[in-house]
């Protein structure tokens, strides 16, 4: 079974669905059994939602958009 250290290290990838099916299943099973990691998971999910909600109405300044476009063009 996957250890807490590995679960916590890969938690954001798990939440963002960036892991392969095997690792995802291992983490999912671990979270069912481990309250410690489950609390960290719940905290990260809530934090991501809070950030998403608080940033929804904000728009990047035009100068930032231009700078990013320039950097991507290089």
C-alpha atoms as a PDB file:
ATOM      1  CA  UNK A   1       0.000   0.000   0.000  1.00  0.00           C
ATOM      2  CA  UNK A   2       1.157   3.522  -0.754  1.00  0.00           C
ATOM      3  CA  UNK A   3       2.599   5.426   2.227  1.00  0.00           C
ATOM      4  CA  UNK A   4       1.387   8.732   3.649  1.00  0.00           C
ATOM      5  CA  UNK A   5       4.549  10.525   2.542  1.00  0.00           C
ATOM      6  CA  UNK A   6       3.930   9.596  -1.094  1.00  0.00           C
ATOM      7  CA  UNK A   7       0.217  10.438  -0.907  1.00  0.00           C
ATOM      8  CA  UNK A   8       0.912  13.898   0.508  1.00  0.00           C
ATOM      9  CA  UNK A   9       3.629  14.500  -2.080  1.00  0.00           C
ATOM     10  CA  UNK A  10       1.268  13.678  -4.945  1.00  0.00           C
ATOM     11  CA  UNK A  11      -1.956  15.061  -3.486  1.00  0.00           C
ATOM     12  CA  UNK A  12      -2.257  18.047  -5.824  1.00  0.00           C
ATOM     13  CA  UNK A  13      -1.650  15.848  -8.855  1.00  0.00           C
ATOM     14  CA  UNK A  14      -4.353  13.501  -7.564  1.00  0.00           C
ATOM     15  CA  UNK A  15      -6.832  16.334  -7.020  1.00  0.00           C
ATOM     16  CA  UNK A  16      -6.082  17.761 -10.472  1.00  0.00           C
ATOM     17  CA  UNK A  17      -6.494  14.281 -12.039  1.00  0.00           C
ATOM     18  CA  UNK A  18      -2.965  14.269 -13.427  1.00  0.00           C
ATOM     19  CA  UNK A  19      -1.984  10.768 -12.298  1.00  0.00           C
ATOM     20  CA  UNK A  20      -2.311   7.468 -14.083  1.00  0.00           C
ATOM     21  CA  UNK A  21      -5.106   5.097 -13.151  1.00  0.00           C
ATOM     22  CA  UNK A  22      -2.970   2.810 -10.987  1.00  0.00           C
ATOM     23  CA  UNK A  23      -1.593   5.578  -8.752  1.00  0.00           C
ATOM     24  CA  UNK A  24      -5.002   7.240  -8.599  1.00  0.00           C
ATOM     25  CA  UNK A  25      -6.554   4.023  -7.289  1.00  0.00           C
ATOM     26  CA  UNK A  26      -3.773   3.551  -4.729  1.00  0.00           C
ATOM     27  CA  UNK A  27      -4.237   7.072  -3.395  1.00  0.00           C
ATOM     28  CA  UNK A  28      -8.014   6.732  -3.389  1.00  0.00           C
ATOM     29  CA  UNK A  29      -7.799   3.537  -1.328  1.00  0.00           C
ATOM     30  CA  UNK A  30      -5.293   5.134   1.036  1.00  0.00           C
ATOM     31  CA  UNK A  31      -7.558   8.140   1.585  1.00  0.00           C
ATOM     32  CA  UNK A  32     -10.421   5.819   2.539  1.00  0.00           C
ATOM     33  CA  UNK A  33      -8.325   4.366   5.357  1.00  0.00           C
ATOM     34  CA  UNK A  34      -6.119   7.237   6.525  1.00  0.00           C
ATOM     35  CA  UNK A  35      -7.815  10.110   8.341  1.00  0.00           C
ATOM     36  CA  UNK A  36      -4.585  12.117   8.437  1.00  0.00           C
ATOM     37  CA  UNK A  37      -4.159  12.168   4.662  1.00  0.00           C
ATOM     38  CA  UNK A  38      -7.898  12.551   4.151  1.00  0.00           C
ATOM     39  CA  UNK A  39      -7.864  15.773   6.188  1.00  0.00           C
ATOM     40  CA  UNK A  40      -5.006  17.089   4.049  1.00  0.00           C
ATOM     41  CA  UNK A  41      -6.927  16.145   0.911  1.00  0.00           C
ATOM     42  CA  UNK A  42     -10.080  17.900   2.101  1.00  0.00           C
ATOM     43  CA  UNK A  43      -8.094  20.999   3.042  1.00  0.00           C
ATOM     44  CA  UNK A  44      -6.415  21.163  -0.377  1.00  0.00           C
ATOM     45  CA  UNK A  45      -9.742  20.725  -2.186  1.00  0.00           C
ATOM     46  CA  UNK A  46     -11.345  23.502  -0.134  1.00  0.00           C
ATOM     47  CA  UNK A  47      -8.337  25.773  -0.643  1.00  0.00           C
ATOM     48  CA  UNK A  48      -8.441  25.286  -4.415  1.00  0.00           C
ATOM     49  CA  UNK A  49     -12.167  26.071  -4.438  1.00  0.00           C
ATOM     50  CA  UNK A  50     -11.660  29.203  -2.349  1.00  0.00           C
ATOM     51  CA  UNK A  51      -8.902  30.431  -4.647  1.00  0.00           C
ATOM     52  CA  UNK A  52     -11.018  29.660  -7.696  1.00  0.00           C
ATOM     53  CA  UNK A  53     -14.001  31.599  -6.309  1.00  0.00           C
ATOM     54  CA  UNK A  54     -11.970  34.584  -5.136  1.00  0.00           C
ATOM     55  CA  UNK A  55     -10.116  34.935  -8.429  1.00  0.00           C
ATOM     56  CA  UNK A  56     -13.070  34.396 -10.742  1.00  0.00           C
ATOM     57  CA  UNK A  57     -13.973  38.069 -11.145  1.00  0.00           C
ATOM     58  CA  UNK A  58     -10.387  39.283 -11.408  1.00  0.00           C
ATOM     59  CA  UNK A  59      -8.860  39.919 -14.793  1.00  0.00           C
ATOM     60  CA  UNK A  60      -5.159  40.078 -15.481  1.00  0.00           C
ATOM     61  CA  UNK A  61      -3.833  43.546 -16.335  1.00  0.00           C
ATOM     62  CA  UNK A  62      -3.243  44.132 -20.027  1.00  0.00           C
ATOM     63  CA  UNK A  63       0.499  44.631 -19.461  1.00  0.00           C
ATOM     64  CA  UNK A  64       0.729  41.145 -17.919  1.00  0.00           C
ATOM     65  CA  UNK A  65      -1.168  39.588 -20.812  1.00  0.00           C
ATOM     66  CA  UNK A  66       1.177  41.281 -23.284  1.00  0.00           C
ATOM     67  CA  UNK A  67       4.275  40.138 -21.370  1.00  0.00           C
ATOM     68  CA  UNK A  68       3.047  36.534 -21.314  1.00  0.00           C
ATOM     69  CA  UNK A  69       2.227  36.672 -25.016  1.00  0.00           C
ATOM     70  CA  UNK A  70       5.718  38.006 -25.736  1.00  0.00           C
ATOM     71  CA  UNK A  71       7.314  35.239 -23.668  1.00  0.00           C
ATOM     72  CA  UNK A  72       5.281  32.539 -25.403  1.00  0.00           C
ATOM     73  CA  UNK A  73       6.205  33.949 -28.788  1.00  0.00           C
ATOM     74  CA  UNK A  74       9.922  33.643 -28.090  1.00  0.00           C
END
